[in-house]
Structure formats: C-alpha cells, structure tokens
Amino acid sequence: MRYRRIAALAVPMALQTALMLVGQVVVVALIGRMGGGALYVQALYAPAEFLLVAVVNGFAVALQVATARRVGAGEPGAVAGYYGGLLALGVATYAVLAAALIASAGALGGLVDVAPAEAERFRSFLVAMVLVGSFRLGGELCSAVLRGVGRGASAFGLTLTYVVLTTVGVAVFASGLAGVPVVAGVAGAVELAAGLWLVTRAGLVTWAGVRKWPEDVVRLAAGVGLPVAATYVLLFVVNLLLVRIVAIDGPAAVAGFNAGYTLQTAVLVPAIGFGSAIAVLVNQGVAGGDRSVAAAAFRRGMVLATAGYAVVTVVFVLYGVPLADLMAADPAVVAEVRDFLAIMGPTFGCNGLVLVALTVVQQVGRGGAAVGLNLAYFVLVIVIGWLAVADSGDARGLVVTMAVMGYASAVVGLPASVWLVRKVIRPALVTV
C-alpha cells in the first residue's frame, strides 16, 4: 500500500469533513454579527444538532463500510440494496427523533438554561432546523457510497456545494436568525439532488437495486451504524453538559465557549475523514483476503496523520488566537474565545491523532470499544470540569481540564486504539 494511494483517498475525505466544519464556523461567525442575541440562541441549539448528526452519520458510515467491503469482495452490484435499506431505516429513525425534539423543545430549553426572553425564539429556531435537516440524510448517503468506492473527490464536491450555498446564502439572504433554516433547507435539497445524480449516473445505485435489501442490512445498521450514532449521542450529552457548566459564568461565557469549541471542532473533524479513508482501505484489504495490504494501509495512514497534525498544531499555536476576533462583535465574547484558543490550541495535534485512530476502530467492527474509550474521556472531563467551575465560577477551569485530558488521551487512548485495530486486522474479520 503506497503513501500516494492512501493520500489520494484520505486527503479529499479529510478536506470534505474540514470543509463542512469550516462552513459551520463561517455561519456561526455570521450569526455572531447579526446581534440581538442570535449567537446565544445558536449556541443553545448546538447540543441538539449532535442528535441529528448522530442519525445521519450513523447510517452514512454503515453504508460506507458496506460499500467498501462489497467493492473489496468484488460485488459492487450489492451496494444499491444497502443504499435502499439504510435510507429507509434512516428516514424512519430521523422522523422519530425529529418528532421527539420538536415535542420536547420547551424542556430542552430548560435543560440548557435558556434566558426567558429568548425561549420562544430558541424553540422556533430548533423546530425549523430539525425539519430542514432531513434533506442531509439522503445527500450524505450518496456521499458515503462515493467514499466507499474510493471516489473521494466526488464526495468532496457534494460537500462543497452544500457549504458554498449555505455560507453565501446566510451572508447574502439571511438578514436575521430566522433566515438561517431557510438557507440550510435549500442547500440540503440541492446537495441531495446532486448526490442522486452522481451515484445513479455512475451506476453505483440503480432504482431497481435499491428495492433489493440484503438480509443483513439491519445487522449492519446495528453493528456499525449504532456505535457511530452512540458516539454522537454521547457528544450531544457532553455538549449539553458543557453548555450547562459554562452557563454559570454568564451569557458571554456561553457564546464564547461555543465559538471556541466550534473552531476546535473544525480543526479536529478532518481526523474523522482521514480515519474513514484508512478504514475504507483496511476493510477493502481484509474483505479481499489481503491482510498485509490492510496492515500497511493502517500503519502508513497513521504516519501521514501524525505529520499532518504536527503541522496543524504548530500553525494554530502561532496564528490561531487572532481568529477569535472574527468570531463575534462583542468584546466580552471575543475575550472568552481568545482564552479558549490559547489554552486548547496546543492540544489539537494530540486530540486529532487519537480521533484518527478511534475512527478506524469504529469502522472496522470495534465500535463498542470506541464508544467506551470516548465515554471514559468525557466522564472525566465533565466531572473534573464541573468541580473546577463550581469552585471558581470561572469557565476557564473547564477549558484547562479539557486541555489536560487532551494530553492524557494521547498517552492512553492512542496506544489502546492502535492495539484494537491491529487485533482486528490479524484474525478474520466478519464481513457483511
């Protein structure tokens, strides 16, 4: 397995995930300049978004894994059936979640301690974003098929379309927070249409094939998609608790923490794309019976990831903090963002590399172990961070806790993840 082949798949997939988060950062920055508490409402909505992302990404990763394994086994014609089955299951799951979120909007606002003056606007924004988010499920499944067969550039093009339409739409057409869901809905519909055109034109998904669901499609969704979704549900709970902790320090701390956390996520999420690319090659190698290829893909992929995140860390430490000035107009919020980035910036490389390895663990059949490692990390962050903030009344105690745990994860979580992947590659991997 050559470095060039790994990079050819991994770089577009990493850029795809990076682009999505960069677009989110830009949108958050634009919302921050709308004024009138718009950024505060968006910050309160952020935890709920993790639940929607959990459904979309859980089914998308399951389809990506199935596609990679079927292509590796020389059976690309089976992909359409997996697309149809997982799309149907995904739509049903998303509908149930959407109904639950809409019904519990008032209770959710109470959990994040929404200011009474913003309660109704928070509810309206939540309901609108939940409804328009449904378009993304179909589009992401199309992107998953493209990634699974190694067409990372085409998948990147889909994401680019969505991000450009969203950021330009919010900048030009959304005069207030109410316009953001409208723009997001239009962008999602366009992404879905473009994705369907790409996969049907390439013959990867046919209308006849989507009706032939494989017998193990439910098992695939449960065995691969559920742990991925569980990770995002965990992030939902963690984000909810983090916002609750920071709320002790006031609205400026909440808005500043959310903006800084969004920037951190934009830096770290490309690791998921990079890890997914490595997992595609590992799954293809194992399904095709060549475990030496799978081992080489993992080893060399981690070398490339280490080099990439070393550069990212250095660049962000030197130049990352000034980004805070672009995230909000309120000086108090800007000060909170700058403090967050000054503390967390040096940890981005450690967290990124661990995330690459955990993503591979998740997508080669060891999702439960990945959830366990994530759970241990976040429990420590929440408990220690909560005690630190409660004692001082300053959100900085939580950020310091997150930084210390970032370094600790590189010492403990990374070796554990590497061991789990190597354990999967050596014995026979049960394929779908």
Protein backbone atom coordinates (compact mmCIF):
# COMPACT_ATOMS: atom_id res chain seq x y z
CA MET A 1 0.00 0.00 0.00
CA ARG A 2 1.71 3.19 -1.19
CA TYR A 3 1.52 6.50 0.61
CA ARG A 4 0.29 8.08 -2.61
CA ARG A 5 -2.77 5.83 -2.78
CA ILE A 6 -3.62 6.46 0.87
CA ALA A 7 -3.22 10.21 0.43
CA ALA A 8 -5.29 10.20 -2.78
CA LEU A 9 -8.29 8.89 -0.83
CA ALA A 10 -7.59 10.37 2.60
CA VAL A 11 -6.90 13.97 1.62
CA PRO A 12 -10.23 14.57 -0.19
CA MET A 13 -12.13 12.86 2.64
CA ALA A 14 -10.31 14.90 5.28
CA LEU A 15 -10.93 18.06 3.26
CA GLN A 16 -14.59 17.11 2.97
CA THR A 17 -15.05 16.94 6.73
CA ALA A 18 -12.90 20.04 7.21
CA LEU A 19 -14.91 21.97 4.67
CA MET A 20 -18.16 21.14 6.43
CA LEU A 21 -16.84 22.44 9.73
CA VAL A 22 -15.20 25.49 8.18
CA GLY A 23 -18.57 26.29 6.67
CA GLN A 24 -20.14 25.90 10.12
CA VAL A 25 -17.53 28.22 11.64
CA VAL A 26 -18.27 30.84 8.99
CA VAL A 27 -22.01 30.54 9.59
CA VAL A 28 -21.50 30.84 13.37
CA ALA A 29 -19.35 33.95 12.77
CA LEU A 30 -22.05 35.43 10.52
CA ILE A 31 -24.71 34.70 13.14
CA GLY A 32 -22.46 36.31 15.74
CA ARG A 33 -22.58 39.54 13.77
CA MET A 34 -26.38 39.53 13.47
CA GLY A 35 -26.61 40.83 17.02
CA GLY A 36 -29.72 40.75 19.18
CA GLY A 37 -28.73 37.52 20.95
CA ALA A 38 -28.62 35.46 17.73
CA LEU A 39 -25.30 33.79 18.64
CA TYR A 40 -26.65 32.95 22.10
CA VAL A 41 -29.67 31.16 20.60
CA GLN A 42 -27.46 29.29 18.13
CA ALA A 43 -25.17 28.22 20.99
CA LEU A 44 -28.14 26.78 22.87
CA TYR A 45 -29.28 24.87 19.76
CA ALA A 46 -25.82 23.33 19.18
CA PRO A 47 -26.28 20.35 21.56
CA ALA A 48 -29.50 19.27 19.78
CA GLU A 49 -27.67 19.28 16.46
CA PHE A 50 -25.47 16.42 17.67
CA LEU A 51 -28.54 14.16 17.83
CA LEU A 52 -29.45 14.93 14.22
CA VAL A 53 -25.86 14.39 13.14
CA ALA A 54 -25.88 11.08 15.05
CA VAL A 55 -28.62 9.67 12.83
CA VAL A 56 -27.17 11.00 9.58
CA ASN A 57 -23.58 9.91 10.27
CA GLY A 58 -24.53 6.58 11.81
CA PHE A 59 -26.32 5.42 8.66
CA ALA A 60 -23.77 7.07 6.35
CA VAL A 61 -20.82 5.28 7.98
CA ALA A 62 -22.70 1.96 7.90
CA LEU A 63 -23.25 2.41 4.16
CA GLN A 64 -19.66 3.48 3.60
CA VAL A 65 -18.37 0.36 5.36
CA ALA A 66 -20.76 -1.91 3.42
CA THR A 67 -19.72 -0.30 0.13
CA ALA A 68 -16.00 -0.67 0.86
CA ARG A 69 -16.39 -4.33 1.82
CA ARG A 70 -18.57 -5.22 -1.17
CA VAL A 71 -16.17 -3.48 -3.55
CA GLY A 72 -13.22 -5.24 -1.90
CA ALA A 73 -15.01 -8.58 -2.29
CA GLY A 74 -15.74 -7.85 -5.98
CA GLU A 75 -19.50 -7.39 -5.52
CA PRO A 76 -20.24 -3.70 -6.32
CA GLY A 77 -23.73 -4.59 -7.57
CA ALA A 78 -24.85 -5.22 -3.98
CA VAL A 79 -24.28 -1.58 -2.98
CA ALA A 80 -27.65 -0.33 -4.29
CA GLY A 81 -29.55 -2.67 -1.96
CA TYR A 82 -27.65 -1.40 1.04
CA TYR A 83 -28.40 2.18 -0.03
CA GLY A 84 -32.13 1.49 -0.25
CA GLY A 85 -32.33 -0.39 3.03
CA LEU A 86 -30.27 2.07 5.04
CA LEU A 87 -32.10 5.04 3.51
CA ALA A 88 -35.46 3.62 4.57
CA LEU A 89 -34.24 2.84 8.08
CA GLY A 90 -32.58 6.25 8.30
CA VAL A 91 -35.69 8.16 7.26
CA ALA A 92 -37.80 6.31 9.83
CA THR A 93 -35.25 6.93 12.59
CA TYR A 94 -34.86 10.61 11.71
CA ALA A 95 -38.64 11.10 11.71
CA VAL A 96 -38.96 9.66 15.21
CA LEU A 97 -36.09 11.80 16.51
CA ALA A 98 -37.43 14.94 14.83
CA ALA A 99 -40.84 14.45 16.40
CA ALA A 100 -39.27 13.91 19.83
CA LEU A 101 -37.11 17.03 19.60
CA ILE A 102 -39.97 19.20 18.42
CA ALA A 103 -42.26 17.90 21.17
CA SER A 104 -39.61 18.47 23.85
CA ALA A 105 -38.32 21.85 22.63
CA GLY A 106 -39.52 23.60 25.77
CA ALA A 107 -37.94 21.04 28.09
CA LEU A 108 -34.68 21.14 26.15
CA GLY A 109 -34.58 24.92 26.55
CA GLY A 110 -34.89 24.42 30.29
CA LEU A 111 -32.02 21.94 30.33
CA VAL A 112 -29.66 24.46 28.70
CA ASP A 113 -30.97 27.23 30.98
CA VAL A 114 -32.28 29.42 28.16
CA ALA A 115 -32.94 33.04 29.10
CA PRO A 116 -36.71 33.68 29.37
CA ALA A 117 -36.55 36.48 26.79
CA GLU A 118 -35.11 34.08 24.19
CA ALA A 119 -37.20 30.97 24.96
CA GLU A 120 -39.69 31.36 22.10
CA ARG A 121 -37.02 32.24 19.53
CA PHE A 122 -34.98 29.24 20.64
CA ARG A 123 -37.98 26.95 20.15
CA SER A 124 -38.76 28.34 16.68
CA PHE A 125 -35.15 28.01 15.57
CA LEU A 126 -34.89 24.45 16.88
CA VAL A 127 -38.08 23.32 15.12
CA ALA A 128 -37.07 24.90 11.80
CA MET A 129 -33.53 23.44 11.84
CA VAL A 130 -34.83 19.95 12.69
CA LEU A 131 -37.24 19.99 9.76
CA VAL A 132 -34.82 21.22 7.10
CA GLY A 133 -32.05 18.89 8.35
CA SER A 134 -33.87 15.89 6.86
CA PHE A 135 -32.52 16.71 3.40
CA ARG A 136 -28.99 15.97 4.55
CA LEU A 137 -29.64 12.28 5.24
CA GLY A 138 -30.13 11.32 1.59
CA GLY A 139 -27.26 13.51 0.44
CA GLU A 140 -24.85 12.06 2.98
CA LEU A 141 -25.77 8.51 2.00
CA CYS A 142 -24.89 9.36 -1.60
CA SER A 143 -21.59 10.77 -0.37
CA ALA A 144 -20.99 7.57 1.66
CA VAL A 145 -21.33 5.43 -1.46
CA LEU A 146 -18.83 7.61 -3.30
CA ARG A 147 -16.35 7.42 -0.41
CA GLY A 148 -16.77 3.66 -0.11
CA VAL A 149 -15.75 3.07 -3.74
CA GLY A 150 -12.80 5.46 -3.42
CA ARG A 151 -14.30 8.50 -5.19
CA GLY A 152 -13.33 10.96 -2.51
CA ALA A 153 -13.14 13.90 -4.90
CA SER A 154 -16.78 13.48 -5.96
CA ALA A 155 -17.89 13.25 -2.33
CA PHE A 156 -15.90 16.42 -1.63
CA GLY A 157 -17.75 18.14 -4.47
CA LEU A 158 -21.10 17.38 -2.83
CA THR A 159 -19.99 18.89 0.45
CA LEU A 160 -18.51 21.90 -1.34
CA THR A 161 -21.87 22.53 -2.99
CA TYR A 162 -23.70 22.45 0.33
CA VAL A 163 -21.17 24.65 2.15
CA VAL A 164 -20.96 27.29 -0.57
CA LEU A 165 -24.74 27.55 -0.83
CA THR A 166 -25.11 27.74 2.95
CA THR A 167 -22.41 30.32 3.67
CA VAL A 168 -23.26 32.54 0.72
CA GLY A 169 -26.97 32.23 1.46
CA VAL A 170 -26.57 33.22 5.13
CA ALA A 171 -24.22 36.08 4.23
CA VAL A 172 -26.39 37.50 1.44
CA PHE A 173 -30.01 36.50 2.08
CA ALA A 174 -30.38 35.82 5.83
CA SER A 175 -30.97 39.22 7.39
CA GLY A 176 -31.69 37.58 10.75
CA LEU A 177 -31.59 34.24 12.55
CA ALA A 178 -34.92 33.16 11.04
CA GLY A 179 -33.36 33.10 7.57
CA VAL A 180 -30.71 30.52 8.51
CA PRO A 181 -33.02 27.45 8.38
CA VAL A 182 -34.40 28.54 5.01
CA VAL A 183 -30.90 28.75 3.53
CA ALA A 184 -29.91 25.41 5.10
CA GLY A 185 -33.01 23.72 3.64
CA VAL A 186 -32.34 24.94 0.11
CA ALA A 187 -28.67 23.91 0.31
CA GLY A 188 -29.58 20.45 1.62
CA ALA A 189 -32.12 19.88 -1.16
CA VAL A 190 -29.57 20.82 -3.82
CA GLU A 191 -26.96 18.52 -2.25
CA LEU A 192 -29.42 15.62 -2.26
CA ALA A 193 -30.34 16.15 -5.92
CA ALA A 194 -26.68 16.39 -6.97
CA GLY A 195 -25.78 13.28 -4.95
CA LEU A 196 -28.52 11.18 -6.51
CA TRP A 197 -27.43 12.31 -9.96
CA LEU A 198 -23.80 11.30 -9.29
CA VAL A 199 -24.49 7.82 -7.88
CA THR A 200 -27.14 6.90 -10.45
CA ARG A 201 -25.10 8.25 -13.37
CA ALA A 202 -22.12 6.15 -12.24
CA GLY A 203 -24.30 3.05 -11.94
CA LEU A 204 -23.50 2.68 -8.24
CA VAL A 205 -27.16 2.97 -7.23
CA THR A 206 -30.00 1.86 -9.51
CA TRP A 207 -33.71 2.29 -8.91
CA ALA A 208 -34.22 -1.45 -9.32
CA GLY A 209 -31.35 -2.28 -6.98
CA VAL A 210 -32.50 -0.14 -4.05
CA ARG A 211 -35.55 -2.38 -3.60
CA LYS A 212 -33.39 -5.49 -3.09
CA TRP A 213 -32.42 -5.09 0.54
CA PRO A 214 -29.72 -7.51 1.73
CA GLU A 215 -30.80 -9.73 4.60
CA ASP A 216 -28.14 -8.32 6.91
CA VAL A 217 -28.92 -4.61 6.38
CA VAL A 218 -30.46 -4.31 9.87
CA ARG A 219 -27.50 -6.11 11.42
CA LEU A 220 -25.16 -3.74 9.60
CA ALA A 221 -27.06 -0.70 10.85
CA ALA A 222 -26.93 -2.06 14.40
CA GLY A 223 -23.34 -3.35 14.32
CA VAL A 224 -21.68 -0.40 12.57
CA GLY A 225 -24.14 2.48 12.48
CA LEU A 226 -25.38 2.23 16.07
CA PRO A 227 -21.95 2.66 17.72
CA VAL A 228 -21.25 5.63 15.45
CA ALA A 229 -24.61 7.15 16.36
CA ALA A 230 -23.97 6.39 20.02
CA THR A 231 -20.76 8.40 19.82
CA TYR A 232 -22.68 11.41 18.54
CA VAL A 233 -25.39 10.94 21.17
CA LEU A 234 -22.59 10.95 23.73
CA LEU A 235 -21.35 14.20 22.18
CA PHE A 236 -24.89 15.57 22.46
CA VAL A 237 -24.99 14.82 26.18
CA VAL A 238 -21.46 16.15 26.67
CA ASN A 239 -22.17 19.35 24.73
CA LEU A 240 -25.37 19.84 26.71
CA LEU A 241 -23.47 19.45 29.98
CA LEU A 242 -20.60 21.67 28.84
CA VAL A 243 -23.03 24.47 27.99
CA ARG A 244 -24.73 23.94 31.34
CA ILE A 245 -21.39 24.16 33.17
CA VAL A 246 -20.26 27.28 31.31
CA ALA A 247 -23.67 28.94 31.89
CA ILE A 248 -22.55 29.54 35.49
CA ASP A 249 -20.24 32.22 34.10
CA GLY A 250 -22.96 34.08 32.15
CA PRO A 251 -24.13 34.53 28.50
CA ALA A 252 -20.78 35.88 27.26
CA ALA A 253 -19.03 32.75 28.53
CA VAL A 254 -21.63 30.52 26.83
CA ALA A 255 -21.31 32.32 23.48
CA GLY A 256 -17.51 32.48 23.69
CA PHE A 257 -17.13 28.84 24.69
CA ASN A 258 -19.41 27.72 21.85
CA ALA A 259 -17.48 29.78 19.29
CA GLY A 260 -14.13 28.42 20.53
CA TYR A 261 -15.47 24.87 20.67
CA THR A 262 -16.70 25.27 17.09
CA LEU A 263 -13.22 26.33 15.97
CA GLN A 264 -11.68 23.37 17.78
CA THR A 265 -14.15 21.03 16.12
CA ALA A 266 -13.27 22.48 12.71
CA VAL A 267 -9.63 21.60 13.33
CA LEU A 268 -10.32 18.11 14.70
CA VAL A 269 -13.12 16.81 12.49
CA PRO A 270 -10.84 16.30 9.42
CA ALA A 271 -9.35 13.50 11.52
CA ILE A 272 -12.65 11.65 11.12
CA GLY A 273 -12.41 11.94 7.34
CA PHE A 274 -8.78 10.81 7.39
CA GLY A 275 -9.59 7.88 9.67
CA SER A 276 -12.56 6.93 7.47
CA ALA A 277 -10.28 6.78 4.44
CA ILE A 278 -7.87 4.49 6.28
CA ALA A 279 -10.82 2.32 7.37
CA VAL A 280 -12.06 2.05 3.76
CA LEU A 281 -8.67 0.70 2.66
CA VAL A 282 -8.42 -1.62 5.69
CA ASN A 283 -11.92 -3.01 5.05
CA GLN A 284 -11.22 -3.47 1.34
CA GLY A 285 -7.94 -5.27 2.09
CA VAL A 286 -9.46 -7.61 4.67
CA ALA A 287 -12.58 -8.33 2.55
CA GLY A 288 -10.34 -9.07 -0.42
CA GLY A 289 -8.25 -11.53 1.63
CA ASP A 290 -5.03 -9.48 1.68
CA ARG A 291 -4.34 -8.58 5.28
CA SER A 292 -0.86 -7.27 4.54
CA VAL A 293 -2.49 -4.52 2.47
CA ALA A 294 -4.82 -3.72 5.36
CA ALA A 295 -1.93 -3.55 7.83
CA ALA A 296 0.12 -1.32 5.53
CA ALA A 297 -2.85 1.00 4.97
CA PHE A 298 -3.29 1.48 8.70
CA ARG A 299 0.41 1.90 9.50
CA ARG A 300 1.17 4.35 6.72
CA GLY A 301 -2.09 6.19 7.17
CA MET A 302 -1.21 6.90 10.80
CA VAL A 303 2.22 8.15 9.73
CA LEU A 304 0.58 10.63 7.33
CA ALA A 305 -1.90 11.69 10.02
CA THR A 306 0.90 12.30 12.52
CA ALA A 307 2.77 14.50 10.08
CA GLY A 308 -0.35 16.44 9.15
CA TYR A 309 -1.45 17.19 12.70
CA ALA A 310 2.07 18.17 13.73
CA VAL A 311 1.91 20.93 11.12
CA VAL A 312 -1.66 21.91 12.11
CA THR A 313 -0.67 22.24 15.77
CA VAL A 314 2.32 24.47 15.04
CA VAL A 315 0.31 26.70 12.70
CA PHE A 316 -2.59 27.01 15.13
CA VAL A 317 -0.37 27.77 18.11
CA LEU A 318 1.31 30.56 16.18
CA TYR A 319 -1.66 32.03 14.35
CA GLY A 320 -4.87 30.56 15.78
CA VAL A 321 -5.74 33.01 18.54
CA PRO A 322 -6.35 36.01 16.20
CA LEU A 323 -9.24 34.02 14.72
CA ALA A 324 -11.15 34.91 17.86
CA ASP A 325 -11.51 38.49 16.62
CA LEU A 326 -13.54 37.19 13.66
CA MET A 327 -15.98 35.13 15.71
CA ALA A 328 -18.04 37.88 17.36
CA ALA A 329 -18.52 41.62 17.64
CA ASP A 330 -18.94 41.71 21.44
CA PRO A 331 -15.53 42.33 23.12
CA ALA A 332 -16.54 40.19 26.12
CA VAL A 333 -17.28 37.21 23.85
CA VAL A 334 -14.05 37.75 21.89
CA ALA A 335 -12.06 37.67 25.13
CA GLU A 336 -13.63 34.32 26.04
CA VAL A 337 -12.79 32.86 22.62
CA ARG A 338 -9.18 34.06 22.79
CA ASP A 339 -8.73 32.46 26.22
CA PHE A 340 -10.20 29.17 24.96
CA LEU A 341 -7.87 29.02 21.96
CA ALA A 342 -4.77 29.99 23.93
CA ILE A 343 -5.34 27.05 26.29
CA MET A 344 -6.66 24.43 23.85
CA GLY A 345 -4.62 25.20 20.71
CA PRO A 346 -1.52 23.20 21.73
CA THR A 347 -3.66 20.08 22.34
CA PHE A 348 -5.18 19.94 18.86
CA GLY A 349 -2.48 17.63 17.49
CA CYS A 350 -2.91 15.10 20.32
CA ASN A 351 -6.69 15.08 20.03
CA GLY A 352 -6.58 14.88 16.23
CA LEU A 353 -4.32 11.85 16.13
CA VAL A 354 -6.40 10.00 18.73
CA LEU A 355 -9.53 10.79 16.73
CA VAL A 356 -8.00 9.32 13.55
CA ALA A 357 -7.23 6.04 15.34
CA LEU A 358 -10.63 5.92 17.08
CA THR A 359 -12.41 6.44 13.76
CA VAL A 360 -10.62 3.42 12.29
CA VAL A 361 -11.53 1.38 15.39
CA GLN A 362 -15.16 2.40 14.94
CA GLN A 363 -15.35 1.47 11.27
CA VAL A 364 -13.62 -1.92 11.31
CA GLY A 365 -16.10 -3.53 13.67
CA ARG A 366 -14.99 -2.37 17.12
CA GLY A 367 -17.47 0.46 17.60
CA GLY A 368 -18.34 -0.57 21.15
CA ALA A 369 -14.72 -0.23 22.25
CA ALA A 370 -14.52 3.23 20.63
CA VAL A 371 -17.64 4.33 22.49
CA GLY A 372 -16.14 3.03 25.75
CA LEU A 373 -12.92 4.98 25.28
CA ASN A 374 -14.85 8.14 24.43
CA LEU A 375 -17.14 7.67 27.41
CA ALA A 376 -14.25 7.35 29.86
CA TYR A 377 -12.64 10.52 28.46
CA PHE A 378 -15.78 12.64 28.62
CA VAL A 379 -16.85 11.46 32.07
CA LEU A 380 -13.53 12.67 33.44
CA VAL A 381 -13.80 15.98 31.57
CA ILE A 382 -17.35 16.63 32.82
CA VAL A 383 -16.78 15.64 36.45
CA ILE A 384 -13.45 17.44 36.92
CA GLY A 385 -14.51 20.44 34.81
CA TRP A 386 -17.79 20.84 36.69
CA LEU A 387 -15.99 20.81 40.05
CA ALA A 388 -13.43 23.33 38.78
CA VAL A 389 -16.05 25.79 37.51
CA ALA A 390 -18.33 25.37 40.52
CA ASP A 391 -15.41 26.18 42.81
CA SER A 392 -14.24 29.29 40.94
CA GLY A 393 -17.32 30.44 38.99
CA ASP A 394 -14.99 30.86 36.00
CA ALA A 395 -15.43 28.86 32.77
CA ARG A 396 -11.64 28.79 32.38
CA GLY A 397 -11.45 25.84 34.81
CA LEU A 398 -13.38 23.67 32.34
CA VAL A 399 -11.13 24.64 29.43
CA VAL A 400 -7.99 23.83 31.43
CA THR A 401 -9.47 20.45 32.32
CA MET A 402 -10.17 19.75 28.64
CA ALA A 403 -6.57 20.61 27.74
CA VAL A 404 -5.08 18.31 30.39
CA MET A 405 -7.34 15.45 29.29
CA GLY A 406 -6.30 16.04 25.68
CA TYR A 407 -2.69 15.33 26.55
CA ALA A 408 -3.71 12.32 28.64
CA SER A 409 -5.70 10.83 25.75
CA ALA A 410 -2.56 10.75 23.60
CA VAL A 411 -0.77 8.75 26.29
CA VAL A 412 -3.58 6.26 26.98
CA GLY A 413 -6.21 6.38 24.23
CA LEU A 414 -3.89 6.31 21.22
CA PRO A 415 -1.99 3.10 22.14
CA ALA A 416 -5.28 1.41 23.04
CA SER A 417 -6.81 2.33 19.67
CA VAL A 418 -3.78 1.10 17.72
CA TRP A 419 -3.88 -2.20 19.60
CA LEU A 420 -7.58 -2.68 18.80
CA VAL A 421 -7.10 -2.08 15.06
CA ARG A 422 -4.14 -4.45 14.86
CA LYS A 423 -6.20 -7.07 16.68
CA VAL A 424 -8.91 -6.75 14.02
CA ILE A 425 -6.51 -6.98 11.08
CA ARG A 426 -4.75 -10.14 12.25
CA PRO A 427 -7.70 -12.54 12.68
CA ALA A 428 -10.54 -13.00 10.23
CA LEU A 429 -12.89 -10.02 10.06
CA VAL A 430 -16.56 -10.92 9.74
CA THR A 431 -17.68 -9.16 6.56
CA VAL A 432 -21.16 -8.06 5.59
